[in-house]
Amino acid sequence: MNTTLVVMAAGIGSRFGGGIKQLEPVGPNGEIIMDYAIHDAKEAGFNKVVFIIRKDLEKDFKEIIGNRISKVIDIDYAFQELEDLPQGFSVPEGRKKPFGTGQAVLACKGVVNEPFAVINADDYYGKEAFVKVHDFLVNPDKSGKKYDFCMAGFILGNTLSDNGAVTRGICKVNEENILVSVDETGGIERVSSDKVICEKNGEQVEVSADSYVSMNMWGLTPDFFDELEARFVTFLKNMKPQEEQKKEYLLPMIVEELLREDKAQVKVLETQDKWFGVTYKEDKAVVVESIKKLHEQGKYPDKL
C-alpha cells in the first residue's frame, strides 16, 4: 500500500538563509532536522513526501531541499496561501498569517490520495513513531466509526526544553490508548528531576511527566480532506471580529470535533523516543549533540 509523509513547511520563513531555524544544520554533514524525518519515514515504509510550502518559496525550496530529496524518494508539493479560502470568504483586512495547520493540510486535497502522516518541518521525532504510524496506516484498527486515525503519543518528559517553557497538547486517553481529548497547555517546564509544572488559568500546577502529548504527528486518511473543507467554512463563519487577525484553524481542534461527534477513533501510539526541536536558540547545541550521539550509536549512517 502507498503511504505519504506530509511535511508542513509553509512557515519556513520569508527568506532562505541565516536565521531560519528549519534550515539550521544539525547533523555532522550539514543535515537539517527535516532530512532525518524523511530518512526515518522512508526506512519505515513511506514511499512519497509532500511538502506544504508557500508559492513564493517554491523556487528556493526546490533548490535547497526539494531537488536533493527527490533523488531518494518521490516528492510533490501543496501550497498554503493566506488567500486560499472557501468561496464567499475573503481575507480579513490586515491579516498577514495563514489560518494554521488545518488550512495547511487542506491544501493537500487532490495531491494526496492515500493514507498519510502529517509532521512539522522543524521537529525531530525519532524512528519509532514513523514505524508505528506507518504500520497503523497500512493495517488500521477498525473501530466501526467513520474514520480510524492515529497519533504518535510522545511522553511529556521526553519533549521538554532545558532553556525555557514550552506549549504541548496534553492528551487524555482511555485504558485502550484511544484519544479522548487534547488540551493545548502552555508554560510547561521541568523544575526538578521529578517535577514538571504547567500554567492553568494563570496559576502554576504540577503535571505528570509521563503524560502523553501530541507533537502534531497524525496518521490520517484522504477522506479527512472533506471534513477539513466543510469545517473550514464553519470556522470562518463563526469567527468573531476580534479573532480575525490571529485565530487559527488547527488540526487537533478538528480531530476533537470528530471525536465529540463520535465520527472518529484515534489510536495513540506510544513512542519512547526523545523529541528534539529548536524552540529556543540555545536548544540548537543540544540538538546537534543529541544527533551526533545517534550517529555514534549507529542509528544513522555517517552520511544520510
C-alpha atoms as a PDB file:
ATOM      1  CA  MET A   1       0.000   0.000   0.000  1.00  0.00           C
ATOM      2  CA  ASN A   2       1.217   3.501  -0.817  1.00  0.00           C
ATOM      3  CA  THR A   3       1.650   5.884   2.100  1.00  0.00           C
ATOM      4  CA  THR A   4       2.691   9.541   2.046  1.00  0.00           C
ATOM      5  CA  LEU A   5       4.535  11.742   4.510  1.00  0.00           C
ATOM      6  CA  VAL A   6       3.126  15.289   4.555  1.00  0.00           C
ATOM      7  CA  VAL A   7       5.626  17.864   5.856  1.00  0.00           C
ATOM      8  CA  MET A   8       4.177  21.187   6.997  1.00  0.00           C
ATOM      9  CA  ALA A   9       6.843  23.667   5.890  1.00  0.00           C
ATOM     10  CA  ALA A  10       4.791  26.736   4.915  1.00  0.00           C
ATOM     11  CA  GLY A  11       6.067  28.609   7.962  1.00  0.00           C
ATOM     12  CA  ILE A  12       9.663  28.112   6.952  1.00  0.00           C
ATOM     13  CA  GLY A  13      10.313  31.845   6.682  1.00  0.00           C
ATOM     14  CA  SER A  14      10.117  34.539   4.059  1.00  0.00           C
ATOM     15  CA  ARG A  15      13.768  34.250   3.036  1.00  0.00           C
ATOM     16  CA  PHE A  16      16.126  31.320   2.962  1.00  0.00           C
ATOM     17  CA  GLY A  17      19.492  31.686   4.673  1.00  0.00           C
ATOM     18  CA  GLY A  18      20.562  32.743   8.134  1.00  0.00           C
ATOM     19  CA  GLY A  19      18.129  32.697  10.998  1.00  0.00           C
ATOM     20  CA  ILE A  20      15.602  30.224   9.545  1.00  0.00           C
ATOM     21  CA  LYS A  21      15.556  27.509  12.192  1.00  0.00           C
ATOM     22  CA  GLN A  22      14.251  24.763   9.868  1.00  0.00           C
ATOM     23  CA  LEU A  23      17.387  25.205   7.731  1.00  0.00           C
ATOM     24  CA  GLU A  24      19.953  25.258  10.527  1.00  0.00           C
ATOM     25  CA  PRO A  25      22.449  22.400  10.057  1.00  0.00           C
ATOM     26  CA  VAL A  26      22.275  19.935  12.950  1.00  0.00           C
ATOM     27  CA  GLY A  27      23.925  16.799  11.521  1.00  0.00           C
ATOM     28  CA  PRO A  28      27.630  16.019  11.092  1.00  0.00           C
ATOM     29  CA  ASN A  29      27.476  16.716   7.342  1.00  0.00           C
ATOM     30  CA  GLY A  30      25.212  19.746   7.476  1.00  0.00           C
ATOM     31  CA  GLU A  31      21.956  17.758   7.584  1.00  0.00           C
ATOM     32  CA  ILE A  32      18.865  19.665   8.696  1.00  0.00           C
ATOM     33  CA  ILE A  33      16.189  18.229  11.005  1.00  0.00           C
ATOM     34  CA  MET A  34      13.889  17.563   8.042  1.00  0.00           C
ATOM     35  CA  ASP A  35      16.489  15.243   6.483  1.00  0.00           C
ATOM     36  CA  TYR A  36      16.225  12.924   9.491  1.00  0.00           C
ATOM     37  CA  ALA A  37      12.426  12.841   9.349  1.00  0.00           C
ATOM     38  CA  ILE A  38      12.461  11.914   5.663  1.00  0.00           C
ATOM     39  CA  HIS A  39      15.205   9.316   6.202  1.00  0.00           C
ATOM     40  CA  ASP A  40      13.225   7.719   9.049  1.00  0.00           C
ATOM     41  CA  ALA A  41       9.930   7.839   7.144  1.00  0.00           C
ATOM     42  CA  LYS A  42      11.440   6.178   4.078  1.00  0.00           C
ATOM     43  CA  GLU A  43      13.024   3.496   6.267  1.00  0.00           C
ATOM     44  CA  ALA A  44       9.619   2.890   7.913  1.00  0.00           C
ATOM     45  CA  GLY A  45       7.982   2.294   4.511  1.00  0.00           C
ATOM     46  CA  PHE A  46       6.592   5.657   3.373  1.00  0.00           C
ATOM     47  CA  ASN A  47       7.134   5.984  -0.380  1.00  0.00           C
ATOM     48  CA  LYS A  48       6.254   9.613  -1.099  1.00  0.00           C
ATOM     49  CA  VAL A  49       6.774  13.022   0.530  1.00  0.00           C
ATOM     50  CA  VAL A  50       4.525  16.048   0.021  1.00  0.00           C
ATOM     51  CA  PHE A  51       5.892  19.390   1.185  1.00  0.00           C
ATOM     52  CA  ILE A  52       3.357  22.064   2.131  1.00  0.00           C
ATOM     53  CA  ILE A  53       5.054  25.353   1.312  1.00  0.00           C
ATOM     54  CA  ARG A  54       4.172  28.860   0.167  1.00  0.00           C
ATOM     55  CA  LYS A  55       4.115  29.562  -3.554  1.00  0.00           C
ATOM     56  CA  ASP A  56       6.623  32.410  -3.209  1.00  0.00           C
ATOM     57  CA  LEU A  57       9.144  29.985  -1.686  1.00  0.00           C
ATOM     58  CA  GLU A  58       8.818  27.291  -4.355  1.00  0.00           C
ATOM     59  CA  LYS A  59      11.964  28.123  -6.332  1.00  0.00           C
ATOM     60  CA  ASP A  60      14.231  28.497  -3.285  1.00  0.00           C
ATOM     61  CA  PHE A  61      12.738  25.466  -1.531  1.00  0.00           C
ATOM     62  CA  LYS A  62      13.333  23.242  -4.539  1.00  0.00           C
ATOM     63  CA  GLU A  63      16.911  24.457  -4.927  1.00  0.00           C
ATOM     64  CA  ILE A  64      17.842  23.997  -1.257  1.00  0.00           C
ATOM     65  CA  ILE A  65      15.704  20.997  -0.233  1.00  0.00           C
ATOM     66  CA  GLY A  66      13.316  19.563  -2.797  1.00  0.00           C
ATOM     67  CA  ASN A  67      15.686  18.697  -5.647  1.00  0.00           C
ATOM     68  CA  ARG A  68      18.032  16.940  -3.224  1.00  0.00           C
ATOM     69  CA  ILE A  69      15.245  14.921  -1.552  1.00  0.00           C
ATOM     70  CA  SER A  70      13.719  13.961  -4.927  1.00  0.00           C
ATOM     71  CA  LYS A  71      16.825  11.834  -5.619  1.00  0.00           C
ATOM     72  CA  VAL A  72      15.889   9.403  -2.830  1.00  0.00           C
ATOM     73  CA  ILE A  73      12.053   9.438  -2.713  1.00  0.00           C
ATOM     74  CA  ASP A  74       9.105  10.650  -4.823  1.00  0.00           C
ATOM     75  CA  ILE A  75       8.066  14.162  -3.848  1.00  0.00           C
ATOM     76  CA  ASP A  76       5.264  16.586  -4.614  1.00  0.00           C
ATOM     77  CA  TYR A  77       4.129  19.994  -3.379  1.00  0.00           C
ATOM     78  CA  ALA A  78       1.000  21.563  -1.941  1.00  0.00           C
ATOM     79  CA  PHE A  79       0.711  25.299  -1.394  1.00  0.00           C
ATOM     80  CA  GLN A  80      -0.768  27.009   1.647  1.00  0.00           C
ATOM     81  CA  GLU A  81      -1.754  30.567   0.845  1.00  0.00           C
ATOM     82  CA  LEU A  82      -3.489  33.047   3.117  1.00  0.00           C
ATOM     83  CA  GLU A  83      -5.925  33.850   0.304  1.00  0.00           C
ATOM     84  CA  ASP A  84      -6.900  30.217  -0.325  1.00  0.00           C
ATOM     85  CA  LEU A  85     -10.343  30.409   1.297  1.00  0.00           C
ATOM     86  CA  PRO A  86     -13.702  28.788   0.526  1.00  0.00           C
ATOM     87  CA  GLN A  87     -15.992  30.531  -1.924  1.00  0.00           C
ATOM     88  CA  GLY A  88     -17.671  33.572  -0.427  1.00  0.00           C
ATOM     89  CA  PHE A  89     -14.896  34.375   2.057  1.00  0.00           C
ATOM     90  CA  SER A  90     -12.073  36.895   1.861  1.00  0.00           C
ATOM     91  CA  VAL A  91      -9.013  37.585   3.989  1.00  0.00           C
ATOM     92  CA  PRO A  92      -9.837  39.870   6.943  1.00  0.00           C
ATOM     93  CA  GLU A  93      -8.283  43.290   6.437  1.00  0.00           C
ATOM     94  CA  GLY A  94      -4.819  43.456   7.982  1.00  0.00           C
ATOM     95  CA  ARG A  95      -4.378  39.696   8.473  1.00  0.00           C
ATOM     96  CA  LYS A  96      -0.867  38.569   7.490  1.00  0.00           C
ATOM     97  CA  LYS A  97      -0.641  34.920   8.619  1.00  0.00           C
ATOM     98  CA  PRO A  98      -2.362  31.892   7.064  1.00  0.00           C
ATOM     99  CA  PHE A  99      -5.017  30.068   9.086  1.00  0.00           C
ATOM    100  CA  GLY A 100      -2.941  27.303  10.680  1.00  0.00           C
ATOM    101  CA  THR A 101      -2.390  23.581  10.353  1.00  0.00           C
ATOM    102  CA  GLY A 102      -5.951  22.726   9.274  1.00  0.00           C
ATOM    103  CA  GLN A 103      -5.696  25.053   6.288  1.00  0.00           C
ATOM    104  CA  ALA A 104      -2.202  23.699   5.562  1.00  0.00           C
ATOM    105  CA  VAL A 105      -3.316  20.060   5.365  1.00  0.00           C
ATOM    106  CA  LEU A 106      -6.429  21.018   3.376  1.00  0.00           C
ATOM    107  CA  ALA A 107      -4.038  22.314   0.689  1.00  0.00           C
ATOM    108  CA  CYS A 108      -3.134  18.654   0.055  1.00  0.00           C
ATOM    109  CA  LYS A 109      -6.613  17.795  -1.222  1.00  0.00           C
ATOM    110  CA  GLY A 110      -6.171  16.375  -4.723  1.00  0.00           C
ATOM    111  CA  VAL A 111      -2.414  15.944  -4.179  1.00  0.00           C
ATOM    112  CA  VAL A 112      -2.595  13.216  -1.513  1.00  0.00           C
ATOM    113  CA  ASN A 113      -4.910  10.302  -2.335  1.00  0.00           C
ATOM    114  CA  GLU A 114      -3.579   7.631   0.021  1.00  0.00           C
ATOM    115  CA  PRO A 115      -3.188   7.210   3.817  1.00  0.00           C
ATOM    116  CA  PHE A 116      -0.741   9.801   5.112  1.00  0.00           C
ATOM    117  CA  ALA A 117       1.189  11.015   8.122  1.00  0.00           C
ATOM    118  CA  VAL A 118       1.499  14.715   8.970  1.00  0.00           C
ATOM    119  CA  ILE A 119       4.547  16.229  10.686  1.00  0.00           C
ATOM    120  CA  ASN A 120       6.095  19.627  11.387  1.00  0.00           C
ATOM    121  CA  ALA A 121       9.147  20.535   9.311  1.00  0.00           C
ATOM    122  CA  ASP A 122      11.267  21.534  12.297  1.00  0.00           C
ATOM    123  CA  ASP A 123      10.778  18.622  14.724  1.00  0.00           C
ATOM    124  CA  TYR A 124      12.913  15.521  15.208  1.00  0.00           C
ATOM    125  CA  TYR A 125      10.516  12.671  16.000  1.00  0.00           C
ATOM    126  CA  GLY A 126      12.764   9.585  16.174  1.00  0.00           C
ATOM    127  CA  LYS A 127      12.431   6.317  14.281  1.00  0.00           C
ATOM    128  CA  GLU A 128       9.830   4.514  16.408  1.00  0.00           C
ATOM    129  CA  ALA A 129       6.969   6.930  15.719  1.00  0.00           C
ATOM    130  CA  PHE A 130       7.343   6.643  11.932  1.00  0.00           C
ATOM    131  CA  VAL A 131       7.303   2.836  12.087  1.00  0.00           C
ATOM    132  CA  LYS A 132       4.216   2.739  14.322  1.00  0.00           C
ATOM    133  CA  VAL A 133       2.255   5.335  12.345  1.00  0.00           C
ATOM    134  CA  HIS A 134       3.144   3.687   9.023  1.00  0.00           C
ATOM    135  CA  ASP A 135       2.128   0.245  10.288  1.00  0.00           C
ATOM    136  CA  PHE A 136      -1.195   1.639  11.521  1.00  0.00           C
ATOM    137  CA  LEU A 137      -1.910   3.324   8.167  1.00  0.00           C
ATOM    138  CA  VAL A 138      -1.263   0.045   6.341  1.00  0.00           C
ATOM    139  CA  ASN A 139      -3.283  -2.012   8.835  1.00  0.00           C
ATOM    140  CA  PRO A 140      -5.579   0.300  10.852  1.00  0.00           C
ATOM    141  CA  ASP A 141      -7.640  -0.675  13.879  1.00  0.00           C
ATOM    142  CA  LYS A 142     -11.208  -0.947  12.584  1.00  0.00           C
ATOM    143  CA  SER A 143     -13.485   0.713  15.126  1.00  0.00           C
ATOM    144  CA  GLY A 144     -16.689   0.775  13.097  1.00  0.00           C
ATOM    145  CA  LYS A 145     -16.643   4.562  13.147  1.00  0.00           C
ATOM    146  CA  LYS A 146     -16.416   6.684  10.006  1.00  0.00           C
ATOM    147  CA  TYR A 147     -12.709   7.469  10.493  1.00  0.00           C
ATOM    148  CA  ASP A 148      -9.869   5.456  12.005  1.00  0.00           C
ATOM    149  CA  PHE A 149      -6.889   7.700  12.663  1.00  0.00           C
ATOM    150  CA  CYS A 150      -3.785   7.506  14.829  1.00  0.00           C
ATOM    151  CA  MET A 151      -1.428   9.859  16.613  1.00  0.00           C
ATOM    152  CA  ALA A 152       2.137   9.431  17.840  1.00  0.00           C
ATOM    153  CA  GLY A 153       1.953   9.761  21.616  1.00  0.00           C
ATOM    154  CA  PHE A 154       5.182  11.206  22.963  1.00  0.00           C
ATOM    155  CA  ILE A 155       5.962  11.139  26.672  1.00  0.00           C
ATOM    156  CA  LEU A 156       5.859  14.712  28.001  1.00  0.00           C
ATOM    157  CA  GLY A 157       9.172  14.343  29.842  1.00  0.00           C
ATOM    158  CA  ASN A 158      10.858  13.456  26.521  1.00  0.00           C
ATOM    159  CA  THR A 159       9.718  16.668  24.821  1.00  0.00           C
ATOM    160  CA  LEU A 160      10.840  19.441  27.194  1.00  0.00           C
ATOM    161  CA  SER A 161      13.444  22.132  26.612  1.00  0.00           C
ATOM    162  CA  ASP A 162      16.140  22.881  29.183  1.00  0.00           C
ATOM    163  CA  ASN A 163      16.037  26.505  28.095  1.00  0.00           C
ATOM    164  CA  GLY A 164      12.507  27.605  28.887  1.00  0.00           C
ATOM    165  CA  ALA A 165       8.807  26.804  28.942  1.00  0.00           C
ATOM    166  CA  VAL A 166       7.031  25.075  26.043  1.00  0.00           C
ATOM    167  CA  THR A 167       3.457  24.553  24.871  1.00  0.00           C
ATOM    168  CA  ARG A 168       2.230  20.993  24.330  1.00  0.00           C
ATOM    169  CA  GLY A 169      -1.053  19.282  23.521  1.00  0.00           C
ATOM    170  CA  ILE A 170      -1.538  17.125  26.637  1.00  0.00           C
ATOM    171  CA  CYS A 171      -3.628  14.093  25.742  1.00  0.00           C
ATOM    172  CA  LYS A 172      -6.304  12.339  27.726  1.00  0.00           C
ATOM    173  CA  VAL A 173      -6.596   8.672  26.707  1.00  0.00           C
ATOM    174  CA  ASN A 174      -8.724   5.759  27.862  1.00  0.00           C
ATOM    175  CA  GLU A 175      -7.465   2.361  29.066  1.00  0.00           C
ATOM    176  CA  GLU A 176      -7.128   1.163  25.453  1.00  0.00           C
ATOM    177  CA  ASN A 177      -4.940   4.147  24.478  1.00  0.00           C
ATOM    178  CA  ILE A 178      -7.767   5.714  22.493  1.00  0.00           C
ATOM    179  CA  LEU A 179      -7.643   9.509  22.407  1.00  0.00           C
ATOM    180  CA  VAL A 180     -10.333  11.275  24.436  1.00  0.00           C
ATOM    181  CA  SER A 181      -9.132  14.888  24.166  1.00  0.00           C
ATOM    182  CA  VAL A 182      -6.117  17.139  23.520  1.00  0.00           C
ATOM    183  CA  ASP A 183      -5.608  20.057  25.897  1.00  0.00           C
ATOM    184  CA  GLU A 184      -3.293  22.726  24.475  1.00  0.00           C
ATOM    185  CA  THR A 185      -1.236  23.644  27.553  1.00  0.00           C
ATOM    186  CA  GLY A 186       1.320  26.428  27.903  1.00  0.00           C
ATOM    187  CA  GLY A 187       4.078  27.270  30.343  1.00  0.00           C
ATOM    188  CA  ILE A 188       5.297  23.680  30.689  1.00  0.00           C
ATOM    189  CA  GLU A 189       8.765  23.319  32.197  1.00  0.00           C
ATOM    190  CA  ARG A 190      10.779  20.941  34.330  1.00  0.00           C
ATOM    191  CA  VAL A 191      11.586  22.441  37.722  1.00  0.00           C
ATOM    192  CA  SER A 192      13.380  19.391  39.170  1.00  0.00           C
ATOM    193  CA  SER A 193      14.291  15.854  38.141  1.00  0.00           C
ATOM    194  CA  ASP A 194      10.846  14.569  39.159  1.00  0.00           C
ATOM    195  CA  LYS A 195       8.625  17.649  38.866  1.00  0.00           C
ATOM    196  CA  VAL A 196       7.066  19.295  35.811  1.00  0.00           C
ATOM    197  CA  ILE A 197       4.739  22.285  36.018  1.00  0.00           C
ATOM    198  CA  CYS A 198       2.374  23.984  33.593  1.00  0.00           C
ATOM    199  CA  GLU A 199       0.227  27.098  33.538  1.00  0.00           C
ATOM    200  CA  LYS A 200      -3.513  26.737  34.057  1.00  0.00           C
ATOM    201  CA  ASN A 201      -5.804  29.766  34.372  1.00  0.00           C
ATOM    202  CA  GLY A 202      -2.873  31.967  35.350  1.00  0.00           C
ATOM    203  CA  GLU A 203      -1.648  29.539  38.018  1.00  0.00           C
ATOM    204  CA  GLN A 204       1.240  27.066  38.017  1.00  0.00           C
ATOM    205  CA  VAL A 205       0.152  23.474  38.602  1.00  0.00           C
ATOM    206  CA  GLU A 206       2.026  20.193  38.558  1.00  0.00           C
ATOM    207  CA  VAL A 207       1.587  17.860  35.594  1.00  0.00           C
ATOM    208  CA  SER A 208       2.786  14.270  35.172  1.00  0.00           C
ATOM    209  CA  ALA A 209       5.982  13.922  33.145  1.00  0.00           C
ATOM    210  CA  ASP A 210       4.536  10.598  31.928  1.00  0.00           C
ATOM    211  CA  SER A 211       1.538  12.242  30.240  1.00  0.00           C
ATOM    212  CA  TYR A 212       1.081  11.638  26.521  1.00  0.00           C
ATOM    213  CA  VAL A 213       1.499  14.719  24.361  1.00  0.00           C
ATOM    214  CA  SER A 214       0.740  15.430  20.727  1.00  0.00           C
ATOM    215  CA  MET A 215       3.660  16.777  18.700  1.00  0.00           C
ATOM    216  CA  ASN A 216       1.461  17.207  15.611  1.00  0.00           C
ATOM    217  CA  MET A 217       2.271  13.781  14.185  1.00  0.00           C
ATOM    218  CA  TRP A 218      -1.001  12.330  12.927  1.00  0.00           C
ATOM    219  CA  GLY A 219      -1.897   9.327  10.795  1.00  0.00           C
ATOM    220  CA  LEU A 220      -4.890  10.235   8.610  1.00  0.00           C
ATOM    221  CA  THR A 221      -6.823   9.074   5.551  1.00  0.00           C
ATOM    222  CA  PRO A 222      -7.706  11.087   2.413  1.00  0.00           C
ATOM    223  CA  ASP A 223     -11.430  11.208   3.274  1.00  0.00           C
ATOM    224  CA  PHE A 224     -10.393  13.592   6.072  1.00  0.00           C
ATOM    225  CA  PHE A 225      -9.986  16.347   3.453  1.00  0.00           C
ATOM    226  CA  ASP A 226     -13.772  16.593   3.018  1.00  0.00           C
ATOM    227  CA  GLU A 227     -14.159  17.192   6.764  1.00  0.00           C
ATOM    228  CA  LEU A 228     -11.401  19.791   6.710  1.00  0.00           C
ATOM    229  CA  GLU A 229     -13.088  21.593   3.841  1.00  0.00           C
ATOM    230  CA  ALA A 230     -16.593  21.626   5.337  1.00  0.00           C
ATOM    231  CA  ARG A 231     -15.439  22.599   8.833  1.00  0.00           C
ATOM    232  CA  PHE A 232     -13.250  25.414   7.495  1.00  0.00           C
ATOM    233  CA  VAL A 233     -16.436  27.110   6.243  1.00  0.00           C
ATOM    234  CA  THR A 234     -17.989  26.781   9.730  1.00  0.00           C
ATOM    235  CA  PHE A 235     -14.797  28.058  11.359  1.00  0.00           C
ATOM    236  CA  LEU A 236     -14.734  31.177   9.161  1.00  0.00           C
ATOM    237  CA  LYS A 237     -18.478  31.820   9.596  1.00  0.00           C
ATOM    238  CA  ASN A 238     -18.179  31.682  13.391  1.00  0.00           C
ATOM    239  CA  MET A 239     -15.023  33.796  13.681  1.00  0.00           C
ATOM    240  CA  LYS A 240     -15.631  36.910  15.769  1.00  0.00           C
ATOM    241  CA  PRO A 241     -14.281  40.307  14.636  1.00  0.00           C
ATOM    242  CA  GLN A 242     -11.737  40.386  17.489  1.00  0.00           C
ATOM    243  CA  GLU A 243     -10.393  36.969  16.372  1.00  0.00           C
ATOM    244  CA  GLU A 244      -9.895  37.815  12.694  1.00  0.00           C
ATOM    245  CA  GLN A 245      -6.199  38.708  12.901  1.00  0.00           C
ATOM    246  CA  LYS A 246      -4.857  35.691  14.776  1.00  0.00           C
ATOM    247  CA  LYS A 247      -7.345  32.829  15.200  1.00  0.00           C
ATOM    248  CA  GLU A 248      -6.152  29.595  13.628  1.00  0.00           C
ATOM    249  CA  TYR A 249      -7.872  26.527  12.215  1.00  0.00           C
ATOM    250  CA  LEU A 250      -5.884  23.753  13.902  1.00  0.00           C
ATOM    251  CA  LEU A 251      -5.688  20.002  13.317  1.00  0.00           C
ATOM    252  CA  PRO A 252      -6.213  18.963  16.977  1.00  0.00           C
ATOM    253  CA  MET A 253      -9.338  21.132  17.118  1.00  0.00           C
ATOM    254  CA  ILE A 254     -10.815  19.412  14.056  1.00  0.00           C
ATOM    255  CA  VAL A 255      -9.904  15.930  15.310  1.00  0.00           C
ATOM    256  CA  GLU A 256     -11.517  16.734  18.674  1.00  0.00           C
ATOM    257  CA  GLU A 257     -14.728  17.806  16.934  1.00  0.00           C
ATOM    258  CA  LEU A 258     -14.864  14.428  15.171  1.00  0.00           C
ATOM    259  CA  LEU A 259     -14.265  12.650  18.494  1.00  0.00           C
ATOM    260  CA  ARG A 260     -17.078  14.591  20.189  1.00  0.00           C
ATOM    261  CA  GLU A 261     -19.414  13.734  17.317  1.00  0.00           C
ATOM    262  CA  ASP A 262     -18.393  10.052  17.626  1.00  0.00           C
ATOM    263  CA  LYS A 263     -17.298  10.015  13.968  1.00  0.00           C
ATOM    264  CA  ALA A 264     -13.662   9.090  14.574  1.00  0.00           C
ATOM    265  CA  GLN A 265     -11.437   6.928  16.696  1.00  0.00           C
ATOM    266  CA  VAL A 266      -7.808   7.963  17.219  1.00  0.00           C
ATOM    267  CA  LYS A 267      -5.348   5.380  18.483  1.00  0.00           C
ATOM    268  CA  VAL A 268      -2.486   6.895  20.489  1.00  0.00           C
ATOM    269  CA  LEU A 269       0.712   5.021  19.573  1.00  0.00           C
ATOM    270  CA  GLU A 270       3.233   5.366  22.374  1.00  0.00           C
ATOM    271  CA  THR A 271       6.788   6.281  21.418  1.00  0.00           C
ATOM    272  CA  GLN A 272       9.639   6.359  23.905  1.00  0.00           C
ATOM    273  CA  ASP A 273      11.915   8.286  21.536  1.00  0.00           C
ATOM    274  CA  LYS A 274      13.138  11.690  22.639  1.00  0.00           C
ATOM    275  CA  TRP A 275      11.775  14.593  20.619  1.00  0.00           C
ATOM    276  CA  PHE A 276      14.183  17.359  19.607  1.00  0.00           C
ATOM    277  CA  GLY A 277      13.379  20.796  18.324  1.00  0.00           C
ATOM    278  CA  VAL A 278      14.751  24.293  18.364  1.00  0.00           C
ATOM    279  CA  THR A 279      12.223  26.226  20.433  1.00  0.00           C
ATOM    280  CA  TYR A 280      14.942  28.494  21.847  1.00  0.00           C
ATOM    281  CA  LYS A 281      18.215  29.384  20.116  1.00  0.00           C
ATOM    282  CA  GLU A 282      20.074  27.684  22.981  1.00  0.00           C
ATOM    283  CA  ASP A 283      18.352  24.398  22.067  1.00  0.00           C
ATOM    284  CA  LYS A 284      20.422  24.069  18.890  1.00  0.00           C
ATOM    285  CA  ALA A 285      23.561  22.902  20.725  1.00  0.00           C
ATOM    286  CA  VAL A 286      21.522  20.190  22.494  1.00  0.00           C
ATOM    287  CA  VAL A 287      20.023  19.014  19.182  1.00  0.00           C
ATOM    288  CA  VAL A 288      23.449  18.892  17.488  1.00  0.00           C
ATOM    289  CA  GLU A 289      24.952  16.914  20.379  1.00  0.00           C
ATOM    290  CA  SER A 290      21.974  14.534  20.560  1.00  0.00           C
ATOM    291  CA  ILE A 291      22.067  13.792  16.831  1.00  0.00           C
ATOM    292  CA  LYS A 292      25.841  13.322  16.962  1.00  0.00           C
ATOM    293  CA  LYS A 293      25.288  10.623  19.622  1.00  0.00           C
ATOM    294  CA  LEU A 294      22.671   8.899  17.452  1.00  0.00           C
ATOM    295  CA  HIS A 295      25.223   8.719  14.620  1.00  0.00           C
ATOM    296  CA  GLU A 296      27.878   7.383  17.016  1.00  0.00           C
ATOM    297  CA  GLN A 297      25.433   4.708  18.260  1.00  0.00           C
ATOM    298  CA  GLY A 298      24.957   3.543  14.656  1.00  0.00           C
ATOM    299  CA  LYS A 299      21.323   4.626  14.446  1.00  0.00           C
ATOM    300  CA  TYR A 300      22.201   6.694  11.387  1.00  0.00           C
ATOM    301  CA  PRO A 301      24.887   6.144   8.739  1.00  0.00           C
ATOM    302  CA  ASP A 302      27.894   8.503   8.723  1.00  0.00           C
ATOM    303  CA  LYS A 303      26.186  10.404   5.912  1.00  0.00           C
ATOM    304  CA  LEU A 304      22.417  10.320   5.436  1.00  0.00           C
END
